[in-house]
N, C-alpha and C. Protein backbone atom coordinates (compact mmCIF):
# COMPACT_ATOMS: atom_id res chain seq x y z
N UNK A 1 174.63 -18.92 -327.00
CA UNK A 1 173.25 -18.53 -327.29
C UNK A 1 172.96 -17.19 -326.61
N UNK A 2 172.50 -16.21 -327.34
CA UNK A 2 172.19 -14.90 -326.73
C UNK A 2 171.15 -15.05 -325.62
N UNK A 3 171.23 -14.17 -324.68
CA UNK A 3 170.29 -14.27 -323.56
C UNK A 3 169.22 -13.20 -323.63
N UNK A 4 168.11 -13.48 -322.95
CA UNK A 4 166.97 -12.58 -322.95
C UNK A 4 167.08 -11.58 -321.80
N UNK A 5 166.43 -10.45 -322.00
CA UNK A 5 166.25 -9.49 -320.92
C UNK A 5 164.83 -9.70 -320.39
N UNK A 6 164.73 -10.12 -319.15
CA UNK A 6 163.45 -10.42 -318.51
C UNK A 6 163.19 -9.38 -317.43
N UNK A 7 162.02 -8.75 -317.48
CA UNK A 7 161.61 -7.83 -316.43
C UNK A 7 160.84 -8.62 -315.40
N UNK A 8 161.25 -8.51 -314.14
CA UNK A 8 160.56 -9.15 -313.02
C UNK A 8 160.03 -8.05 -312.13
N UNK A 9 158.72 -7.94 -312.06
CA UNK A 9 158.11 -6.88 -311.24
C UNK A 9 156.83 -7.40 -310.60
N UNK A 10 156.51 -6.84 -309.43
CA UNK A 10 155.21 -7.02 -308.82
C UNK A 10 154.35 -5.85 -309.25
N UNK A 11 153.10 -6.14 -309.61
CA UNK A 11 152.19 -5.09 -310.06
C UNK A 11 150.83 -5.25 -309.39
N UNK A 12 150.15 -4.13 -309.25
CA UNK A 12 148.78 -4.16 -308.74
C UNK A 12 147.84 -4.56 -309.88
N UNK A 13 146.59 -4.85 -309.54
CA UNK A 13 145.61 -5.20 -310.57
C UNK A 13 145.44 -4.09 -311.60
N UNK A 14 145.67 -2.84 -311.19
CA UNK A 14 145.52 -1.73 -312.12
C UNK A 14 146.85 -1.26 -312.71
N UNK A 15 147.87 -2.10 -312.65
CA UNK A 15 149.10 -1.86 -313.40
C UNK A 15 150.17 -0.99 -312.78
N UNK A 16 150.11 -0.79 -311.46
CA UNK A 16 151.12 0.04 -310.81
C UNK A 16 152.14 -0.84 -310.08
N UNK A 17 153.40 -0.40 -310.09
CA UNK A 17 154.46 -1.15 -309.42
C UNK A 17 154.79 -0.56 -308.05
N UNK A 18 154.18 0.55 -307.72
CA UNK A 18 154.35 1.17 -306.42
C UNK A 18 153.37 2.30 -306.26
N UNK A 19 153.17 2.71 -305.03
CA UNK A 19 152.34 3.90 -304.79
C UNK A 19 153.10 5.12 -305.30
N UNK A 20 152.46 6.26 -305.33
CA UNK A 20 153.11 7.48 -305.82
C UNK A 20 154.40 7.79 -305.07
N UNK A 21 154.46 7.42 -303.77
CA UNK A 21 155.66 7.67 -302.98
C UNK A 21 156.67 6.52 -303.06
N UNK A 22 156.38 5.52 -303.90
CA UNK A 22 157.28 4.39 -304.07
C UNK A 22 157.00 3.22 -303.14
N UNK A 23 156.09 3.38 -302.19
CA UNK A 23 155.78 2.32 -301.24
C UNK A 23 155.30 1.05 -301.95
N UNK A 24 155.80 -0.11 -301.50
CA UNK A 24 155.40 -1.40 -302.08
C UNK A 24 154.92 -2.38 -301.01
N UNK A 25 154.58 -1.88 -299.84
CA UNK A 25 154.15 -2.76 -298.75
C UNK A 25 152.89 -3.55 -299.11
N UNK A 26 152.11 -3.08 -300.06
CA UNK A 26 150.87 -3.74 -300.46
C UNK A 26 151.11 -5.10 -301.11
N UNK A 27 152.34 -5.42 -301.51
CA UNK A 27 152.59 -6.73 -302.15
C UNK A 27 152.67 -7.86 -301.13
N UNK A 28 153.08 -7.57 -299.91
CA UNK A 28 153.42 -8.63 -298.96
C UNK A 28 152.25 -9.50 -298.47
N UNK A 29 151.04 -8.96 -298.26
CA UNK A 29 149.96 -9.83 -297.77
C UNK A 29 149.64 -11.02 -298.68
N UNK A 30 149.89 -10.92 -299.97
CA UNK A 30 149.54 -12.01 -300.88
C UNK A 30 150.72 -12.92 -301.23
N UNK A 31 151.87 -12.72 -300.60
CA UNK A 31 153.01 -13.61 -300.85
C UNK A 31 152.92 -14.80 -299.91
N UNK A 32 152.49 -15.93 -300.46
CA UNK A 32 152.40 -17.17 -299.69
C UNK A 32 153.64 -18.01 -299.96
N UNK A 33 153.70 -19.18 -299.34
CA UNK A 33 154.88 -20.05 -299.46
C UNK A 33 155.15 -20.48 -300.90
N UNK A 34 154.10 -20.80 -301.64
CA UNK A 34 154.28 -21.23 -303.03
C UNK A 34 154.79 -20.10 -303.92
N UNK A 35 154.27 -18.90 -303.74
CA UNK A 35 154.74 -17.76 -304.52
C UNK A 35 156.19 -17.43 -304.15
N UNK A 36 156.51 -17.51 -302.87
CA UNK A 36 157.88 -17.26 -302.45
C UNK A 36 158.84 -18.25 -303.12
N UNK A 37 158.48 -19.51 -303.18
CA UNK A 37 159.31 -20.52 -303.86
C UNK A 37 159.46 -20.18 -305.34
N UNK A 38 158.39 -19.76 -305.99
CA UNK A 38 158.43 -19.39 -307.39
C UNK A 38 159.41 -18.23 -307.61
N UNK A 39 159.33 -17.22 -306.72
CA UNK A 39 160.19 -16.05 -306.86
C UNK A 39 161.66 -16.39 -306.59
N UNK A 40 161.93 -17.22 -305.58
CA UNK A 40 163.31 -17.62 -305.30
C UNK A 40 163.89 -18.39 -306.48
N UNK A 41 163.08 -19.27 -307.06
CA UNK A 41 163.52 -20.03 -308.22
C UNK A 41 163.83 -19.10 -309.39
N UNK A 42 162.97 -18.13 -309.65
CA UNK A 42 163.20 -17.17 -310.73
C UNK A 42 164.49 -16.38 -310.49
N UNK A 43 164.70 -15.90 -309.28
CA UNK A 43 165.92 -15.16 -308.96
C UNK A 43 167.16 -16.01 -309.19
N UNK A 44 167.08 -17.28 -308.83
CA UNK A 44 168.23 -18.17 -308.95
C UNK A 44 168.58 -18.54 -310.38
N UNK A 45 167.66 -18.35 -311.32
CA UNK A 45 167.92 -18.67 -312.73
C UNK A 45 168.63 -17.55 -313.47
N UNK A 46 168.76 -16.39 -312.86
CA UNK A 46 169.33 -15.23 -313.54
C UNK A 46 170.83 -15.37 -313.74
N UNK A 47 171.29 -14.90 -314.89
CA UNK A 47 172.72 -14.79 -315.13
C UNK A 47 173.28 -13.53 -314.50
N UNK A 48 172.42 -12.52 -314.38
CA UNK A 48 172.76 -11.26 -313.72
C UNK A 48 171.47 -10.54 -313.35
N UNK A 49 171.52 -9.81 -312.24
CA UNK A 49 170.41 -8.99 -311.80
C UNK A 49 170.69 -7.55 -312.20
N UNK A 50 169.78 -6.94 -312.97
CA UNK A 50 169.95 -5.57 -313.46
C UNK A 50 169.01 -4.64 -312.71
N UNK A 51 169.50 -3.43 -312.41
CA UNK A 51 168.67 -2.47 -311.70
C UNK A 51 169.21 -1.07 -311.87
N UNK A 52 168.35 -0.11 -311.58
CA UNK A 52 168.75 1.28 -311.55
C UNK A 52 169.38 1.61 -310.20
N UNK A 53 169.89 2.83 -310.07
CA UNK A 53 170.62 3.24 -308.88
C UNK A 53 169.78 3.20 -307.60
N UNK A 54 168.54 3.68 -307.65
CA UNK A 54 167.72 3.73 -306.44
C UNK A 54 167.41 2.32 -305.95
N UNK A 55 167.00 1.44 -306.85
CA UNK A 55 166.72 0.06 -306.46
C UNK A 55 168.00 -0.60 -305.93
N UNK A 56 169.12 -0.33 -306.59
CA UNK A 56 170.39 -0.87 -306.11
C UNK A 56 170.65 -0.43 -304.67
N UNK A 57 170.47 0.85 -304.38
CA UNK A 57 170.70 1.34 -303.03
C UNK A 57 169.84 0.64 -302.00
N UNK A 58 168.56 0.43 -302.33
CA UNK A 58 167.66 -0.26 -301.41
C UNK A 58 168.09 -1.71 -301.20
N UNK A 59 168.42 -2.39 -302.29
CA UNK A 59 168.78 -3.81 -302.20
C UNK A 59 170.14 -4.00 -301.53
N UNK A 60 171.10 -3.15 -301.86
CA UNK A 60 172.44 -3.27 -301.27
C UNK A 60 172.42 -3.02 -299.77
N UNK A 61 171.46 -2.24 -299.31
CA UNK A 61 171.33 -1.98 -297.88
C UNK A 61 170.66 -3.14 -297.14
N UNK A 62 169.93 -3.97 -297.88
CA UNK A 62 169.14 -5.03 -297.24
C UNK A 62 169.74 -6.43 -297.38
N UNK A 63 170.01 -6.88 -298.61
CA UNK A 63 170.33 -8.28 -298.85
C UNK A 63 171.62 -8.80 -298.26
N UNK A 64 172.71 -8.05 -298.21
CA UNK A 64 173.94 -8.62 -297.65
C UNK A 64 173.82 -9.12 -296.21
N UNK A 65 172.96 -8.51 -295.41
CA UNK A 65 172.80 -8.93 -294.02
C UNK A 65 171.57 -9.77 -293.77
N UNK A 66 170.88 -10.18 -294.83
CA UNK A 66 169.61 -10.90 -294.69
C UNK A 66 169.81 -12.42 -294.71
N UNK A 67 168.94 -13.12 -293.99
CA UNK A 67 168.91 -14.58 -294.07
C UNK A 67 167.60 -15.06 -294.69
N UNK A 68 166.88 -14.16 -295.33
CA UNK A 68 165.64 -14.52 -296.02
C UNK A 68 165.94 -15.44 -297.20
N UNK A 69 164.97 -16.21 -297.67
CA UNK A 69 165.21 -17.12 -298.79
C UNK A 69 165.71 -16.44 -300.06
N UNK A 70 165.35 -15.17 -300.27
CA UNK A 70 165.77 -14.45 -301.47
C UNK A 70 167.25 -14.01 -301.39
N UNK A 71 167.81 -14.02 -300.20
CA UNK A 71 169.15 -13.43 -300.00
C UNK A 71 170.24 -14.15 -300.78
N UNK A 72 170.24 -15.48 -300.78
CA UNK A 72 171.33 -16.21 -301.45
C UNK A 72 171.42 -15.86 -302.94
N UNK A 73 170.33 -15.97 -303.72
CA UNK A 73 170.48 -15.62 -305.13
C UNK A 73 170.77 -14.14 -305.35
N UNK A 74 170.26 -13.28 -304.49
CA UNK A 74 170.52 -11.86 -304.66
C UNK A 74 171.98 -11.52 -304.35
N UNK A 75 172.57 -12.19 -303.38
CA UNK A 75 173.95 -11.91 -302.99
C UNK A 75 174.97 -12.61 -303.87
N UNK A 76 174.66 -13.81 -304.34
CA UNK A 76 175.65 -14.62 -305.06
C UNK A 76 175.71 -14.34 -306.56
N UNK A 77 174.59 -14.03 -307.16
CA UNK A 77 174.54 -13.82 -308.61
C UNK A 77 175.02 -12.40 -308.92
N UNK A 78 175.80 -12.22 -309.98
CA UNK A 78 176.29 -10.87 -310.32
C UNK A 78 175.14 -9.87 -310.50
N UNK A 79 175.44 -8.65 -310.08
CA UNK A 79 174.49 -7.55 -310.22
C UNK A 79 175.10 -6.49 -311.12
N UNK A 80 174.24 -5.85 -311.92
CA UNK A 80 174.67 -4.76 -312.78
C UNK A 80 173.75 -3.58 -312.50
N UNK A 81 174.33 -2.48 -312.06
CA UNK A 81 173.55 -1.29 -311.77
C UNK A 81 173.85 -0.25 -312.84
N UNK A 82 172.80 0.34 -313.37
CA UNK A 82 172.92 1.37 -314.40
C UNK A 82 172.74 2.73 -313.74
N UNK A 83 173.78 3.55 -313.82
CA UNK A 83 173.72 4.85 -313.18
C UNK A 83 174.72 5.80 -313.81
N UNK A 84 174.34 7.05 -313.86
CA UNK A 84 175.26 8.09 -314.32
C UNK A 84 175.95 8.77 -313.14
N UNK A 85 175.47 8.52 -311.92
CA UNK A 85 176.02 9.21 -310.75
C UNK A 85 176.77 8.29 -309.80
N UNK A 86 176.44 7.03 -309.75
CA UNK A 86 177.12 6.08 -308.86
C UNK A 86 178.47 5.74 -309.46
N UNK A 87 179.52 5.88 -308.68
CA UNK A 87 180.87 5.62 -309.22
C UNK A 87 181.44 4.29 -308.75
N UNK A 88 180.97 3.79 -307.62
CA UNK A 88 181.45 2.50 -307.15
C UNK A 88 180.33 1.79 -306.41
N UNK A 89 180.44 0.47 -306.38
CA UNK A 89 179.42 -0.35 -305.72
C UNK A 89 180.05 -1.05 -304.52
N UNK A 90 179.33 -1.05 -303.42
CA UNK A 90 179.83 -1.70 -302.21
C UNK A 90 179.31 -3.12 -302.06
N UNK A 91 178.25 -3.45 -302.76
CA UNK A 91 177.66 -4.79 -302.68
C UNK A 91 178.52 -5.71 -303.55
N UNK A 92 179.11 -6.77 -302.97
CA UNK A 92 179.97 -7.65 -303.76
C UNK A 92 179.28 -8.18 -305.02
N UNK A 93 180.06 -8.47 -306.00
CA UNK A 93 179.65 -8.97 -307.33
C UNK A 93 178.76 -7.98 -308.08
N UNK A 94 179.00 -6.68 -307.87
CA UNK A 94 178.22 -5.64 -308.56
C UNK A 94 179.13 -4.86 -309.49
N UNK A 95 178.63 -4.62 -310.70
CA UNK A 95 179.30 -3.79 -311.69
C UNK A 95 178.42 -2.58 -311.96
N UNK A 96 179.03 -1.41 -312.03
CA UNK A 96 178.30 -0.18 -312.36
C UNK A 96 178.57 0.15 -313.83
N UNK A 97 177.50 0.35 -314.59
CA UNK A 97 177.61 0.75 -315.99
C UNK A 97 176.98 2.13 -316.16
N UNK A 98 177.68 3.02 -316.85
CA UNK A 98 177.18 4.38 -317.02
C UNK A 98 177.08 4.79 -318.49
N UNK A 99 177.35 3.86 -319.40
CA UNK A 99 177.30 4.17 -320.82
C UNK A 99 175.87 4.21 -321.35
N UNK A 100 175.75 4.27 -322.65
CA UNK A 100 174.46 4.28 -323.32
C UNK A 100 173.66 3.03 -322.96
N UNK A 101 172.46 3.22 -322.44
CA UNK A 101 171.65 2.11 -321.96
C UNK A 101 171.39 1.07 -323.05
N UNK A 102 170.99 1.52 -324.23
CA UNK A 102 170.70 0.59 -325.33
C UNK A 102 171.95 -0.19 -325.72
N UNK A 103 173.07 0.49 -325.85
CA UNK A 103 174.31 -0.18 -326.22
C UNK A 103 174.77 -1.18 -325.17
N UNK A 104 174.69 -0.79 -323.90
CA UNK A 104 175.12 -1.69 -322.82
C UNK A 104 174.23 -2.93 -322.74
N UNK A 105 172.91 -2.75 -322.83
CA UNK A 105 172.00 -3.89 -322.77
C UNK A 105 172.19 -4.78 -323.99
N UNK A 106 172.33 -4.20 -325.15
CA UNK A 106 172.54 -5.00 -326.37
C UNK A 106 173.81 -5.83 -326.24
N UNK A 107 174.87 -5.26 -325.70
CA UNK A 107 176.11 -5.99 -325.49
C UNK A 107 175.92 -7.14 -324.50
N UNK A 108 175.23 -6.87 -323.38
CA UNK A 108 174.99 -7.91 -322.37
C UNK A 108 174.13 -9.04 -322.93
N UNK A 109 173.13 -8.69 -323.73
CA UNK A 109 172.25 -9.71 -324.30
C UNK A 109 172.98 -10.59 -325.30
N UNK A 110 174.00 -10.06 -325.96
CA UNK A 110 174.74 -10.83 -326.96
C UNK A 110 175.69 -11.83 -326.33
N UNK A 111 176.00 -11.68 -325.05
CA UNK A 111 176.89 -12.60 -324.37
C UNK A 111 176.21 -13.93 -324.10
N UNK A 112 176.99 -14.99 -324.01
CA UNK A 112 176.46 -16.28 -323.61
C UNK A 112 176.16 -16.24 -322.11
N UNK A 113 175.19 -17.03 -321.71
CA UNK A 113 174.87 -17.11 -320.28
C UNK A 113 173.39 -17.17 -320.05
N UNK A 114 173.05 -17.21 -318.77
CA UNK A 114 171.64 -17.22 -318.37
C UNK A 114 171.04 -15.84 -318.58
N UNK A 115 169.72 -15.79 -318.59
CA UNK A 115 169.00 -14.55 -318.87
C UNK A 115 169.33 -13.44 -317.88
N UNK A 116 169.13 -12.22 -318.33
CA UNK A 116 169.31 -11.02 -317.52
C UNK A 116 167.97 -10.69 -316.88
N UNK A 117 167.95 -10.48 -315.58
CA UNK A 117 166.70 -10.24 -314.85
C UNK A 117 166.70 -8.81 -314.33
N UNK A 118 165.84 -7.97 -314.90
CA UNK A 118 165.74 -6.56 -314.50
C UNK A 118 164.70 -6.42 -313.40
N UNK A 119 165.08 -5.76 -312.31
CA UNK A 119 164.21 -5.60 -311.14
C UNK A 119 163.54 -4.24 -311.05
N UNK A 120 164.15 -3.19 -311.52
CA UNK A 120 163.55 -1.87 -311.37
C UNK A 120 164.60 -0.88 -310.93
N UNK A 121 164.14 0.26 -310.55
CA UNK A 121 162.81 0.74 -310.31
C UNK A 121 162.00 1.02 -311.56
N UNK A 122 160.88 1.67 -311.29
CA UNK A 122 159.90 1.90 -312.34
C UNK A 122 160.50 2.70 -313.50
N UNK A 123 161.24 3.75 -313.22
CA UNK A 123 161.82 4.57 -314.29
C UNK A 123 162.82 3.80 -315.12
N UNK A 124 163.65 2.99 -314.47
CA UNK A 124 164.64 2.17 -315.18
C UNK A 124 163.93 1.18 -316.10
N UNK A 125 162.91 0.50 -315.59
CA UNK A 125 162.20 -0.49 -316.40
C UNK A 125 161.45 0.19 -317.54
N UNK A 126 160.86 1.36 -317.29
CA UNK A 126 160.19 2.07 -318.37
C UNK A 126 161.18 2.48 -319.46
N UNK A 127 162.42 2.81 -319.08
CA UNK A 127 163.44 3.13 -320.07
C UNK A 127 163.77 1.89 -320.91
N UNK A 128 163.84 0.72 -320.29
CA UNK A 128 164.08 -0.53 -321.03
C UNK A 128 162.93 -0.81 -322.00
N UNK A 129 161.70 -0.65 -321.50
CA UNK A 129 160.52 -0.88 -322.33
C UNK A 129 160.50 0.10 -323.50
N UNK A 130 160.75 1.36 -323.22
CA UNK A 130 160.70 2.40 -324.24
C UNK A 130 161.71 2.20 -325.36
N UNK A 131 162.79 1.53 -325.08
CA UNK A 131 163.82 1.27 -326.09
C UNK A 131 163.63 -0.09 -326.77
N UNK A 132 162.57 -0.79 -326.44
CA UNK A 132 162.31 -2.09 -327.07
C UNK A 132 163.32 -3.15 -326.68
N UNK A 133 163.85 -3.09 -325.48
CA UNK A 133 164.90 -4.02 -325.06
C UNK A 133 164.39 -5.24 -324.31
N UNK A 134 163.13 -5.21 -323.87
CA UNK A 134 162.58 -6.29 -323.04
C UNK A 134 162.11 -7.44 -323.91
N UNK A 135 162.57 -8.65 -323.59
CA UNK A 135 162.18 -9.85 -324.32
C UNK A 135 161.05 -10.61 -323.62
N UNK A 136 160.90 -10.39 -322.32
CA UNK A 136 159.89 -11.13 -321.57
C UNK A 136 159.57 -10.38 -320.29
N UNK A 137 158.31 -10.45 -319.88
CA UNK A 137 157.85 -9.86 -318.64
C UNK A 137 157.38 -10.98 -317.73
N UNK A 138 157.96 -11.08 -316.56
CA UNK A 138 157.49 -12.03 -315.54
C UNK A 138 156.95 -11.19 -314.41
N UNK A 139 155.64 -11.08 -314.41
CA UNK A 139 154.96 -10.19 -313.48
C UNK A 139 154.19 -10.98 -312.44
N UNK A 140 154.24 -10.51 -311.21
CA UNK A 140 153.38 -11.05 -310.17
C UNK A 140 152.29 -10.02 -309.95
N UNK A 141 151.07 -10.40 -310.30
CA UNK A 141 149.93 -9.51 -310.14
C UNK A 141 149.31 -9.79 -308.78
N UNK A 142 149.29 -8.77 -307.94
CA UNK A 142 148.77 -8.91 -306.58
C UNK A 142 147.32 -8.46 -306.54
N UNK A 143 146.51 -9.09 -305.67
CA UNK A 143 145.07 -8.79 -305.64
C UNK A 143 144.76 -7.49 -304.89
N UNK A 144 145.26 -6.40 -305.42
CA UNK A 144 145.00 -5.09 -304.84
C UNK A 144 145.00 -4.06 -305.98
N UNK A 145 144.08 -3.13 -305.91
CA UNK A 145 144.05 -2.00 -306.85
C UNK A 145 144.49 -0.76 -306.08
N UNK A 146 145.46 -0.04 -306.62
CA UNK A 146 146.00 1.14 -305.93
C UNK A 146 145.30 2.43 -306.33
N UNK A 147 144.69 2.48 -307.50
CA UNK A 147 144.01 3.69 -307.94
C UNK A 147 144.93 4.69 -308.62
N UNK A 148 146.15 4.80 -308.14
CA UNK A 148 147.17 5.63 -308.77
C UNK A 148 148.52 5.16 -308.26
N UNK A 149 149.57 5.59 -308.92
CA UNK A 149 150.89 5.19 -308.48
C UNK A 149 151.89 5.25 -309.61
N UNK A 150 152.95 4.46 -309.48
CA UNK A 150 154.02 4.39 -310.48
C UNK A 150 153.65 3.33 -311.49
N UNK A 151 153.35 3.75 -312.71
CA UNK A 151 152.90 2.82 -313.75
C UNK A 151 154.07 2.06 -314.33
N UNK A 152 153.86 0.79 -314.65
CA UNK A 152 154.87 0.01 -315.35
C UNK A 152 154.91 0.43 -316.82
N UNK A 153 153.74 0.55 -317.44
CA UNK A 153 153.65 0.95 -318.84
C UNK A 153 153.08 2.36 -318.93
N UNK A 154 153.66 3.17 -319.80
CA UNK A 154 153.17 4.54 -319.97
C UNK A 154 152.65 4.78 -321.37
N UNK A 155 152.63 3.74 -322.19
CA UNK A 155 152.10 3.82 -323.55
C UNK A 155 151.48 2.46 -323.88
N UNK A 156 150.55 2.41 -324.83
CA UNK A 156 149.98 1.12 -325.21
C UNK A 156 151.09 0.14 -325.61
N UNK A 157 151.02 -1.06 -325.07
CA UNK A 157 152.02 -2.09 -325.33
C UNK A 157 151.32 -3.42 -325.51
N UNK A 158 151.39 -3.99 -326.69
CA UNK A 158 150.74 -5.27 -326.95
C UNK A 158 151.64 -6.40 -326.49
N UNK A 159 151.04 -7.33 -325.74
CA UNK A 159 151.77 -8.46 -325.19
C UNK A 159 151.07 -9.77 -325.53
N UNK A 160 151.84 -10.85 -325.54
CA UNK A 160 151.30 -12.19 -325.77
C UNK A 160 151.52 -13.01 -324.51
N UNK A 161 150.45 -13.61 -323.99
CA UNK A 161 150.55 -14.43 -322.79
C UNK A 161 151.33 -15.70 -323.09
N UNK A 162 152.36 -15.96 -322.29
CA UNK A 162 153.17 -17.18 -322.43
C UNK A 162 152.72 -18.21 -321.40
N UNK A 163 152.50 -17.77 -320.15
CA UNK A 163 152.05 -18.69 -319.11
C UNK A 163 151.44 -17.90 -317.96
N UNK A 164 150.69 -18.62 -317.13
CA UNK A 164 150.14 -18.01 -315.92
C UNK A 164 150.03 -19.08 -314.84
N UNK A 165 150.19 -18.63 -313.61
CA UNK A 165 150.12 -19.56 -312.48
C UNK A 165 149.51 -18.84 -311.29
N UNK A 166 148.34 -19.32 -310.82
CA UNK A 166 147.73 -18.70 -309.64
C UNK A 166 148.35 -19.27 -308.36
N UNK A 167 148.30 -18.47 -307.29
CA UNK A 167 148.82 -18.90 -306.00
C UNK A 167 147.73 -18.76 -304.95
N UNK A 168 147.80 -19.58 -303.89
CA UNK A 168 146.74 -19.59 -302.87
C UNK A 168 146.47 -18.23 -302.22
N UNK A 169 147.48 -17.38 -302.11
CA UNK A 169 147.30 -16.08 -301.47
C UNK A 169 146.60 -15.06 -302.34
N UNK A 170 146.21 -15.45 -303.56
CA UNK A 170 145.46 -14.56 -304.45
C UNK A 170 146.30 -13.90 -305.53
N UNK A 171 147.61 -14.02 -305.46
CA UNK A 171 148.46 -13.44 -306.50
C UNK A 171 148.53 -14.38 -307.70
N UNK A 172 148.91 -13.84 -308.83
CA UNK A 172 149.06 -14.63 -310.05
C UNK A 172 150.37 -14.24 -310.70
N UNK A 173 151.19 -15.25 -311.05
CA UNK A 173 152.41 -15.01 -311.81
C UNK A 173 152.06 -15.18 -313.28
N UNK A 174 152.38 -14.17 -314.07
CA UNK A 174 152.12 -14.22 -315.51
C UNK A 174 153.41 -13.93 -316.25
N UNK A 175 153.58 -14.61 -317.36
CA UNK A 175 154.72 -14.35 -318.23
C UNK A 175 154.17 -13.89 -319.57
N UNK A 176 154.64 -12.74 -320.01
CA UNK A 176 154.24 -12.18 -321.28
C UNK A 176 155.48 -11.93 -322.13
N UNK A 177 155.30 -12.00 -323.43
CA UNK A 177 156.33 -11.60 -324.40
C UNK A 177 155.76 -10.46 -325.22
N UNK A 178 156.62 -9.56 -325.71
CA UNK A 178 156.10 -8.54 -326.63
C UNK A 178 155.39 -9.22 -327.80
N UNK A 179 154.28 -8.65 -328.24
CA UNK A 179 153.44 -9.29 -329.26
C UNK A 179 154.17 -9.53 -330.57
N UNK A 180 155.06 -8.65 -330.95
CA UNK A 180 155.79 -8.81 -332.21
C UNK A 180 157.26 -8.51 -331.99
N UNK A 181 157.92 -9.32 -331.18
CA UNK A 181 159.31 -9.06 -330.86
C UNK A 181 159.41 -7.99 -329.81
N UNK A 182 160.58 -7.39 -329.63
CA UNK A 182 160.73 -6.36 -328.61
C UNK A 182 159.71 -5.23 -328.79
N UNK A 183 159.24 -4.72 -327.68
CA UNK A 183 158.21 -3.69 -327.70
C UNK A 183 158.67 -2.48 -328.51
N UNK A 184 157.74 -1.87 -329.18
CA UNK A 184 158.05 -0.67 -329.97
C UNK A 184 158.49 0.44 -329.03
N UNK A 185 159.44 1.20 -329.47
CA UNK A 185 159.95 2.31 -328.63
C UNK A 185 158.85 3.33 -328.42
N UNK A 186 158.39 3.43 -327.16
CA UNK A 186 157.30 4.33 -326.86
C UNK A 186 157.75 5.48 -325.96
N UNK A 187 158.89 5.31 -325.32
CA UNK A 187 159.36 6.33 -324.39
C UNK A 187 160.87 6.39 -324.51
N UNK A 188 161.37 7.42 -325.14
CA UNK A 188 162.80 7.51 -325.42
C UNK A 188 163.61 8.14 -324.31
N UNK A 189 162.98 8.53 -323.18
CA UNK A 189 163.76 9.16 -322.12
C UNK A 189 164.57 8.11 -321.38
N UNK A 190 165.78 8.47 -320.99
CA UNK A 190 166.67 7.60 -320.23
C UNK A 190 166.50 8.00 -318.77
N UNK A 191 165.81 7.17 -317.99
CA UNK A 191 165.44 7.56 -316.64
C UNK A 191 166.42 7.07 -315.58
N UNK A 192 167.66 6.81 -315.95
CA UNK A 192 168.66 6.46 -314.94
C UNK A 192 169.10 7.74 -314.26
N UNK A 193 169.48 7.61 -312.98
CA UNK A 193 170.03 8.76 -312.24
C UNK A 193 171.24 8.31 -311.46
């Protein structure tokens, strides 16, 4: 059975995934025990974790030495990093892909297995959205408005609500699907580096 490409991102109430400088510290105050369990469960369901080079660098520097609850699924489940400049990966169970993004994702989606979970960064996820490759969005909306920052969406994108779950710390997990199949290609730039 073909697998879905699921985007997993934390977003502010006004739709940003990070401040202009990439800072994401604003997400942590609303992560309570129940939300943490939800996120660990989501990470553990992935057949592979997908990310761009910058996110890979941040995660590879942190998770191998961590004993946090997220560490086991991040370290044990295969990772796929999309980059035109990275030639090798030091984080175990990581594959580097540098080919055509649409072709590589289409090939991965056609394989049997659990869903592909894309983490970011913002440019990588916008490239996936722009090519109509995303099958589902699992977003954690945090109770903070940033006013400006790194937008998840850069063009109108119609979505259909699949589910929502509030958490005591004020965050809400929402699952959306593109309103009519994969999102229409709105941004054709390939933002991998």
